[in-house]
PDB file of N, CA and C in Angstrom:
ATOM      1  N   MET A   1     -18.088 172.098  -7.283  1.00  0.00           N
ATOM      2  CA  MET A   1     -17.204 173.222  -7.004  1.00  0.00           C
ATOM      3  C   MET A   1     -18.062 174.368  -6.469  1.00  0.00           C
ATOM      4  N   THR A   2     -17.523 175.101  -5.519  1.00  0.00           N
ATOM      5  CA  THR A   2     -18.203 176.246  -4.932  1.00  0.00           C
ATOM      6  C   THR A   2     -17.683 177.527  -5.561  1.00  0.00           C
ATOM      7  N   THR A   3     -18.576 178.445  -5.830  1.00  0.00           N
ATOM      8  CA  THR A   3     -18.196 179.760  -6.344  1.00  0.00           C
ATOM      9  C   THR A   3     -18.235 180.752  -5.196  1.00  0.00           C
ATOM     10  N   VAL A   4     -17.154 181.533  -5.079  1.00  0.00           N
ATOM     11  CA  VAL A   4     -17.062 182.544  -4.034  1.00  0.00           C
ATOM     12  C   VAL A   4     -16.928 183.902  -4.711  1.00  0.00           C
ATOM     13  N   PRO A   5     -17.969 184.733  -4.612  1.00  0.00           N
ATOM     14  CA  PRO A   5     -17.873 186.052  -5.250  1.00  0.00           C
ATOM     15  C   PRO A   5     -16.932 186.965  -4.453  1.00  0.00           C
ATOM     16  N   VAL A   6     -16.084 187.668  -5.183  1.00  0.00           N
ATOM     17  CA  VAL A   6     -15.137 188.604  -4.574  1.00  0.00           C
ATOM     18  C   VAL A   6     -15.270 189.922  -5.308  1.00  0.00           C
ATOM     19  N   GLU A   7     -15.480 190.992  -4.567  1.00  0.00           N
ATOM     20  CA  GLU A   7     -15.567 192.314  -5.185  1.00  0.00           C
ATOM     21  C   GLU A   7     -14.211 193.004  -5.090  1.00  0.00           C
ATOM     22  N   LEU A   8     -13.739 193.490  -6.222  1.00  0.00           N
ATOM     23  CA  LEU A   8     -12.445 194.167  -6.296  1.00  0.00           C
ATOM     24  C   LEU A   8     -12.599 195.464  -7.073  1.00  0.00           C
ATOM     25  N   PRO A   9     -11.822 196.480  -6.711  1.00  0.00           N
ATOM     26  CA  PRO A   9     -11.855 197.717  -7.495  1.00  0.00           C
ATOM     27  C   PRO A   9     -11.299 197.460  -8.902  1.00  0.00           C
ATOM     28  N   GLU A  10     -11.846 198.128  -9.880  1.00  0.00           N
ATOM     29  CA  GLU A  10     -11.379 197.979 -11.262  1.00  0.00           C
ATOM     30  C   GLU A  10      -9.888 198.266 -11.388  1.00  0.00           C
ATOM     31  N   SER A  11      -9.365 199.132 -10.541  1.00  0.00           N
ATOM     32  CA  SER A  11      -7.967 199.548 -10.654  1.00  0.00           C
ATOM     33  C   SER A  11      -6.971 198.413 -10.428  1.00  0.00           C
ATOM     34  N   VAL A  12      -7.365 197.347  -9.711  1.00  0.00           N
ATOM     35  CA  VAL A  12      -6.413 196.261  -9.466  1.00  0.00           C
ATOM     36  C   VAL A  12      -6.047 195.551 -10.758  1.00  0.00           C
ATOM     37  N   PHE A  13      -6.960 195.474 -11.701  1.00  0.00           N
ATOM     38  CA  PHE A  13      -6.675 194.786 -12.951  1.00  0.00           C
ATOM     39  C   PHE A  13      -5.642 195.547 -13.776  1.00  0.00           C
ATOM     40  N   SER A  14      -5.792 196.847 -13.854  1.00  0.00           N
ATOM     41  CA  SER A  14      -4.828 197.620 -14.628  1.00  0.00           C
ATOM     42  C   SER A  14      -3.488 197.703 -13.903  1.00  0.00           C
ATOM     43  N   ALA A  15      -3.514 197.751 -12.579  1.00  0.00           N
ATOM     44  CA  ALA A  15      -2.260 197.826 -11.815  1.00  0.00           C
ATOM     45  C   ALA A  15      -1.402 196.586 -12.045  1.00  0.00           C
ATOM     46  N   LEU A  16      -2.034 195.437 -12.139  1.00  0.00           N
ATOM     47  CA  LEU A  16      -1.307 194.184 -12.347  1.00  0.00           C
ATOM     48  C   LEU A  16      -1.256 193.758 -13.811  1.00  0.00           C
ATOM     49  N   ARG A  17      -1.932 194.533 -14.660  1.00  0.00           N
ATOM     50  CA  ARG A  17      -2.001 194.235 -16.099  1.00  0.00           C
ATOM     51  C   ARG A  17      -2.614 192.854 -16.364  1.00  0.00           C
ATOM     52  N   PHE A  18      -3.664 192.533 -15.591  1.00  0.00           N
ATOM     53  CA  PHE A  18      -4.402 191.291 -15.752  1.00  0.00           C
ATOM     54  C   PHE A  18      -5.852 191.610 -16.061  1.00  0.00           C
ATOM     55  N   GLY A  19      -6.466 190.775 -16.866  1.00  0.00           N
ATOM     56  CA  GLY A  19      -7.917 190.815 -16.998  1.00  0.00           C
ATOM     57  C   GLY A  19      -8.502 190.079 -15.799  1.00  0.00           C
ATOM     58  N   PRO A  20      -9.801 190.170 -15.580  1.00  0.00           N
ATOM     59  CA  PRO A  20     -10.418 189.524 -14.420  1.00  0.00           C
ATOM     60  C   PRO A  20     -10.157 188.021 -14.323  1.00  0.00           C
ATOM     61  N   GLU A  21     -10.248 187.294 -15.426  1.00  0.00           N
ATOM     62  CA  GLU A  21     -10.032 185.847 -15.377  1.00  0.00           C
ATOM     63  C   GLU A  21      -8.596 185.505 -15.029  1.00  0.00           C
ATOM     64  N   GLU A  22      -7.648 186.216 -15.630  1.00  0.00           N
ATOM     65  CA  GLU A  22      -6.231 185.971 -15.331  1.00  0.00           C
ATOM     66  C   GLU A  22      -5.921 186.362 -13.893  1.00  0.00           C
ATOM     67  N   PHE A  23      -6.543 187.438 -13.406  1.00  0.00           N
ATOM     68  CA  PHE A  23      -6.343 187.870 -12.023  1.00  0.00           C
ATOM     69  C   PHE A  23      -6.786 186.778 -11.052  1.00  0.00           C
ATOM     70  N   VAL A  24      -7.947 186.196 -11.281  1.00  0.00           N
ATOM     71  CA  VAL A  24      -8.454 185.137 -10.400  1.00  0.00           C
ATOM     72  C   VAL A  24      -7.522 183.927 -10.439  1.00  0.00           C
ATOM     73  N   ARG A  25      -7.068 183.568 -11.616  1.00  0.00           N
ATOM     74  CA  ARG A  25      -6.140 182.440 -11.754  1.00  0.00           C
ATOM     75  C   ARG A  25      -4.860 182.694 -10.947  1.00  0.00           C
ATOM     76  N   GLU A  26      -4.296 183.891 -11.091  1.00  0.00           N
ATOM     77  CA  GLU A  26      -3.067 184.236 -10.360  1.00  0.00           C
ATOM     78  C   GLU A  26      -3.316 184.355  -8.854  1.00  0.00           C
ATOM     79  N   MET A  27      -4.481 184.839  -8.462  1.00  0.00           N
ATOM     80  CA  MET A  27      -4.804 184.967  -7.050  1.00  0.00           C
ATOM     81  C   MET A  27      -4.889 183.587  -6.396  1.00  0.00           C
ATOM     82  N   ARG A  28      -5.474 182.622  -7.092  1.00  0.00           N
ATOM     83  CA  ARG A  28      -5.545 181.254  -6.569  1.00  0.00           C
ATOM     84  C   ARG A  28      -4.155 180.671  -6.388  1.00  0.00           C
ATOM     85  N   ILE A  29      -3.295 180.889  -7.359  1.00  0.00           N
ATOM     86  CA  ILE A  29      -1.928 180.373  -7.278  1.00  0.00           C
ATOM     87  C   ILE A  29      -1.173 181.046  -6.147  1.00  0.00           C
ATOM     88  N   ALA A  30      -1.266 182.370  -6.063  1.00  0.00           N
ATOM     89  CA  ALA A  30      -0.543 183.109  -5.012  1.00  0.00           C
ATOM     90  C   ALA A  30      -1.002 182.684  -3.621  1.00  0.00           C
ATOM     91  N   ALA A  31      -2.298 182.512  -3.437  1.00  0.00           N
ATOM     92  CA  ALA A  31      -2.821 182.085  -2.137  1.00  0.00           C
ATOM     93  C   ALA A  31      -2.319 180.680  -1.802  1.00  0.00           C
ATOM     94  N   ALA A  32      -2.377 179.779  -2.768  1.00  0.00           N
ATOM     95  CA  ALA A  32      -1.927 178.409  -2.539  1.00  0.00           C
ATOM     96  C   ALA A  32      -0.439 178.362  -2.216  1.00  0.00           C
ATOM     97  N   VAL A  33       0.359 179.138  -2.933  1.00  0.00           N
ATOM     98  CA  VAL A  33       1.805 179.187  -2.672  1.00  0.00           C
ATOM     99  C   VAL A  33       2.069 179.684  -1.247  1.00  0.00           C
ATOM    100  N   LYS A  34       1.405 180.744  -0.844  1.00  0.00           N
ATOM    101  CA  LYS A  34       1.627 181.306   0.490  1.00  0.00           C
ATOM    102  C   LYS A  34       1.196 180.331   1.578  1.00  0.00           C
ATOM    103  N   TRP A  35       0.026 179.732   1.430  1.00  0.00           N
ATOM    104  CA  TRP A  35      -0.452 178.778   2.436  1.00  0.00           C
ATOM    105  C   TRP A  35       0.472 177.566   2.516  1.00  0.00           C
ATOM    106  N   TYR A  36       1.003 177.137   1.375  1.00  0.00           N
ATOM    107  CA  TYR A  36       1.979 176.040   1.370  1.00  0.00           C
ATOM    108  C   TYR A  36       3.267 176.483   2.066  1.00  0.00           C
ATOM    109  N   GLU A  37       3.733 177.687   1.740  1.00  0.00           N
ATOM    110  CA  GLU A  37       4.981 178.209   2.300  1.00  0.00           C
ATOM    111  C   GLU A  37       4.941 178.261   3.826  1.00  0.00           C
ATOM    112  N   VAL A  38       3.812 178.655   4.396  1.00  0.00           N
ATOM    113  CA  VAL A  38       3.713 178.777   5.860  1.00  0.00           C
ATOM    114  C   VAL A  38       3.285 177.471   6.517  1.00  0.00           C
ATOM    115  N   GLY A  39       3.127 176.410   5.728  1.00  0.00           N
ATOM    116  CA  GLY A  39       2.846 175.092   6.287  1.00  0.00           C
ATOM    117  C   GLY A  39       1.391 174.823   6.628  1.00  0.00           C
ATOM    118  N   LYS A  40       0.476 175.613   6.103  1.00  0.00           N
ATOM    119  CA  LYS A  40      -0.950 175.415   6.391  1.00  0.00           C
ATOM    120  C   LYS A  40      -1.544 174.248   5.600  1.00  0.00           C
ATOM    121  N   ILE A  41      -1.013 174.007   4.400  1.00  0.00           N
ATOM    122  CA  ILE A  41      -1.564 172.971   3.533  1.00  0.00           C
ATOM    123  C   ILE A  41      -0.436 172.171   2.884  1.00  0.00           C
ATOM    124  N   SER A  42      -0.783 170.979   2.433  1.00  0.00           N
ATOM    125  CA  SER A  42       0.184 170.121   1.749  1.00  0.00           C
ATOM    126  C   SER A  42       0.389 170.594   0.308  1.00  0.00           C
ATOM    127  N   GLN A  43       1.415 170.045  -0.302  1.00  0.00           N
ATOM    128  CA  GLN A  43       1.695 170.379  -1.698  1.00  0.00           C
ATOM    129  C   GLN A  43       0.554 169.929  -2.607  1.00  0.00           C
ATOM    130  N   GLY A  44      -0.004 168.772  -2.361  1.00  0.00           N
ATOM    131  CA  GLY A  44      -1.115 168.272  -3.166  1.00  0.00           C
ATOM    132  C   GLY A  44      -2.355 169.144  -3.042  1.00  0.00           C
ATOM    133  N   LYS A  45      -2.684 169.540  -1.804  1.00  0.00           N
ATOM    134  CA  LYS A  45      -3.851 170.409  -1.582  1.00  0.00           C
ATOM    135  C   LYS A  45      -3.603 171.775  -2.210  1.00  0.00           C
ATOM    136  N   ALA A  46      -2.379 172.289  -2.100  1.00  0.00           N
ATOM    137  CA  ALA A  46      -2.048 173.587  -2.696  1.00  0.00           C
ATOM    138  C   ALA A  46      -2.212 173.541  -4.211  1.00  0.00           C
ATOM    139  N   ALA A  47      -1.766 172.457  -4.828  1.00  0.00           N
ATOM    140  CA  ALA A  47      -1.916 172.311  -6.275  1.00  0.00           C
ATOM    141  C   ALA A  47      -3.395 172.297  -6.652  1.00  0.00           C
ATOM    142  N   GLU A  48      -4.204 171.611  -5.844  1.00  0.00           N
ATOM    143  CA  GLU A  48      -5.651 171.564  -6.096  1.00  0.00           C
ATOM    144  C   GLU A  48      -6.268 172.954  -5.995  1.00  0.00           C
ATOM    145  N   ILE A  49      -5.928 173.706  -4.948  1.00  0.00           N
ATOM    146  CA  ILE A  49      -6.446 175.067  -4.771  1.00  0.00           C
ATOM    147  C   ILE A  49      -6.025 175.954  -5.941  1.00  0.00           C
ATOM    148  N   ALA A  50      -4.775 175.797  -6.361  1.00  0.00           N
ATOM    149  CA  ALA A  50      -4.245 176.615  -7.460  1.00  0.00           C
ATOM    150  C   ALA A  50      -4.838 176.219  -8.808  1.00  0.00           C
ATOM    151  N   GLY A  51      -5.449 175.046  -8.875  1.00  0.00           N
ATOM    152  CA  GLY A  51      -5.986 174.585 -10.153  1.00  0.00           C
ATOM    153  C   GLY A  51      -4.902 174.099 -11.087  1.00  0.00           C
ATOM    154  N   LEU A  52      -3.823 173.553 -10.503  1.00  0.00           N
ATOM    155  CA  LEU A  52      -2.668 173.106 -11.273  1.00  0.00           C
ATOM    156  C   LEU A  52      -2.363 171.646 -10.975  1.00  0.00           C
ATOM    157  N   SER A  53      -1.621 171.013 -11.870  1.00  0.00           N
ATOM    158  CA  SER A  53      -1.073 169.697 -11.561  1.00  0.00           C
ATOM    159  C   SER A  53       0.017 169.903 -10.511  1.00  0.00           C
ATOM    160  N   ARG A  54       0.416 168.838  -9.872  1.00  0.00           N
ATOM    161  CA  ARG A  54       1.454 168.977  -8.851  1.00  0.00           C
ATOM    162  C   ARG A  54       2.764 169.484  -9.454  1.00  0.00           C
ATOM    163  N   SER A  55       3.122 168.992 -10.626  1.00  0.00           N
ATOM    164  CA  SER A  55       4.373 169.457 -11.254  1.00  0.00           C
ATOM    165  C   SER A  55       4.275 170.926 -11.651  1.00  0.00           C
ATOM    166  N   ALA A  56       3.119 171.358 -12.134  1.00  0.00           N
ATOM    167  CA  ALA A  56       2.942 172.777 -12.476  1.00  0.00           C
ATOM    168  C   ALA A  56       2.970 173.631 -11.217  1.00  0.00           C
ATOM    169  N   PHE A  57       2.464 173.106 -10.103  1.00  0.00           N
ATOM    170  CA  PHE A  57       2.517 173.858  -8.847  1.00  0.00           C
ATOM    171  C   PHE A  57       3.963 174.012  -8.383  1.00  0.00           C
ATOM    172  N   ILE A  58       4.767 172.981  -8.527  1.00  0.00           N
ATOM    173  CA  ILE A  58       6.190 173.078  -8.163  1.00  0.00           C
ATOM    174  C   ILE A  58       6.872 174.145  -9.009  1.00  0.00           C
ATOM    175  N   GLU A  59       6.499 174.239 -10.288  1.00  0.00           N
ATOM    176  CA  GLU A  59       7.037 175.310 -11.136  1.00  0.00           C
ATOM    177  C   GLU A  59       6.586 176.676 -10.629  1.00  0.00           C
ATOM    178  N   ALA A  60       5.337 176.779 -10.171  1.00  0.00           N
ATOM    179  CA  ALA A  60       4.836 178.047  -9.617  1.00  0.00           C
ATOM    180  C   ALA A  60       5.606 178.407  -8.348  1.00  0.00           C
ATOM    181  N   LEU A  61       5.938 177.410  -7.534  1.00  0.00           N
ATOM    182  CA  LEU A  61       6.742 177.679  -6.335  1.00  0.00           C
ATOM    183  C   LEU A  61       8.069 178.318  -6.732  1.00  0.00           C
ATOM    184  N   SER A  62       8.669 177.808  -7.773  1.00  0.00           N
ATOM    185  CA  SER A  62       9.931 178.362  -8.256  1.00  0.00           C
ATOM    186  C   SER A  62       9.759 179.810  -8.700  1.00  0.00           C
ATOM    187  N   ARG A  63       8.667 180.079  -9.393  1.00  0.00           N
ATOM    188  CA  ARG A  63       8.387 181.445  -9.864  1.00  0.00           C
ATOM    189  C   ARG A  63       8.265 182.411  -8.688  1.00  0.00           C
ATOM    190  N   PHE A  64       7.701 181.941  -7.576  1.00  0.00           N
ATOM    191  CA  PHE A  64       7.540 182.769  -6.378  1.00  0.00           C
ATOM    192  C   PHE A  64       8.731 182.652  -5.425  1.00  0.00           C
ATOM    193  N   LYS A  65       9.767 181.901  -5.858  1.00  0.00           N
ATOM    194  CA  LYS A  65      10.985 181.711  -5.063  1.00  0.00           C
ATOM    195  C   LYS A  65      10.688 181.069  -3.703  1.00  0.00           C
ATOM    196  N   VAL A  66       9.844 180.041  -3.732  1.00  0.00           N
ATOM    197  CA  VAL A  66       9.480 179.281  -2.532  1.00  0.00           C
ATOM    198  C   VAL A  66       9.980 177.858  -2.736  1.00  0.00           C
ATOM    199  N   THR A  67      10.658 177.328  -1.736  1.00  0.00           N
ATOM    200  CA  THR A  67      11.180 175.969  -1.833  1.00  0.00           C
ATOM    201  C   THR A  67      10.040 174.949  -1.843  1.00  0.00           C
ATOM    202  N   PRO A  68      10.188 173.874  -2.605  1.00  0.00           N
ATOM    203  CA  PRO A  68       9.156 172.842  -2.607  1.00  0.00           C
ATOM    204  C   PRO A  68       9.232 171.919  -1.382  1.00  0.00           C
ATOM    205  N   PHE A  69      10.246 172.096  -0.558  1.00  0.00           N
ATOM    206  CA  PHE A  69      10.434 171.238   0.611  1.00  0.00           C
ATOM    207  C   PHE A  69       9.869 171.905   1.858  1.00  0.00           C
ATOM    208  N   GLN A  70       9.116 171.135   2.670  1.00  0.00           N
ATOM    209  CA  GLN A  70       8.535 171.688   3.881  1.00  0.00           C
ATOM    210  C   GLN A  70       9.325 171.284   5.129  1.00  0.00           C
ATOM    211  N   TYR A  71      10.566 170.928   4.950  1.00  0.00           N
ATOM    212  CA  TYR A  71      11.417 170.562   6.083  1.00  0.00           C
ATOM    213  C   TYR A  71      12.509 171.609   6.253  1.00  0.00           C
ATOM    214  N   SER A  72      12.831 171.933   7.487  1.00  0.00           N
ATOM    215  CA  SER A  72      13.940 172.851   7.738  1.00  0.00           C
ATOM    216  C   SER A  72      15.252 172.099   7.587  1.00  0.00           C
ATOM    217  N   ALA A  73      16.355 172.815   7.490  1.00  0.00           N
ATOM    218  CA  ALA A  73      17.678 172.193   7.401  1.00  0.00           C
ATOM    219  C   ALA A  73      17.933 171.322   8.624  1.00  0.00           C
ATOM    220  N   GLU A  74      17.489 171.779   9.796  1.00  0.00           N
ATOM    221  CA  GLU A  74      17.680 170.992  11.024  1.00  0.00           C
ATOM    222  C   GLU A  74      16.919 169.682  10.977  1.00  0.00           C
ATOM    223  N   GLU A  75      15.685 169.725  10.467  1.00  0.00           N
ATOM    224  CA  GLU A  75      14.889 168.498  10.366  1.00  0.00           C
ATOM    225  C   GLU A  75      15.520 167.517   9.378  1.00  0.00           C
ATOM    226  N   ILE A  76      16.085 168.019   8.290  1.00  0.00           N
ATOM    227  CA  ILE A  76      16.729 167.150   7.309  1.00  0.00           C
ATOM    228  C   ILE A  76      17.984 166.510   7.911  1.00  0.00           C
ATOM    229  N   ASN A  77      18.748 167.290   8.685  1.00  0.00           N
ATOM    230  CA  ASN A  77      19.954 166.770   9.310  1.00  0.00           C
ATOM    231  C   ASN A  77      19.671 165.668  10.318  1.00  0.00           C
ATOM    232  N   GLU A  78      18.525 165.736  10.967  1.00  0.00           N
ATOM    233  CA  GLU A  78      18.150 164.690  11.924  1.00  0.00           C
ATOM    234  C   GLU A  78      17.900 163.397  11.225  1.00  0.00           C
TER     235      GLU A  78
END
């Protein structure tokens, strides 16, 4: 595993009411959800980035109000 140092102002932790470890955990999930939402990565890769099982990632998608399906209504109708 690679470690990527990120410098953040102390104020972000209090603004979100997260400690540093919880902030990093949530940041990984939020990034994975967004990249999945815009179609950059698969659901499996997003779950890996988020550090979650695939089923837990699907639950995170629900929390962020993002559909677990990467097909549009038109594509499904075809």
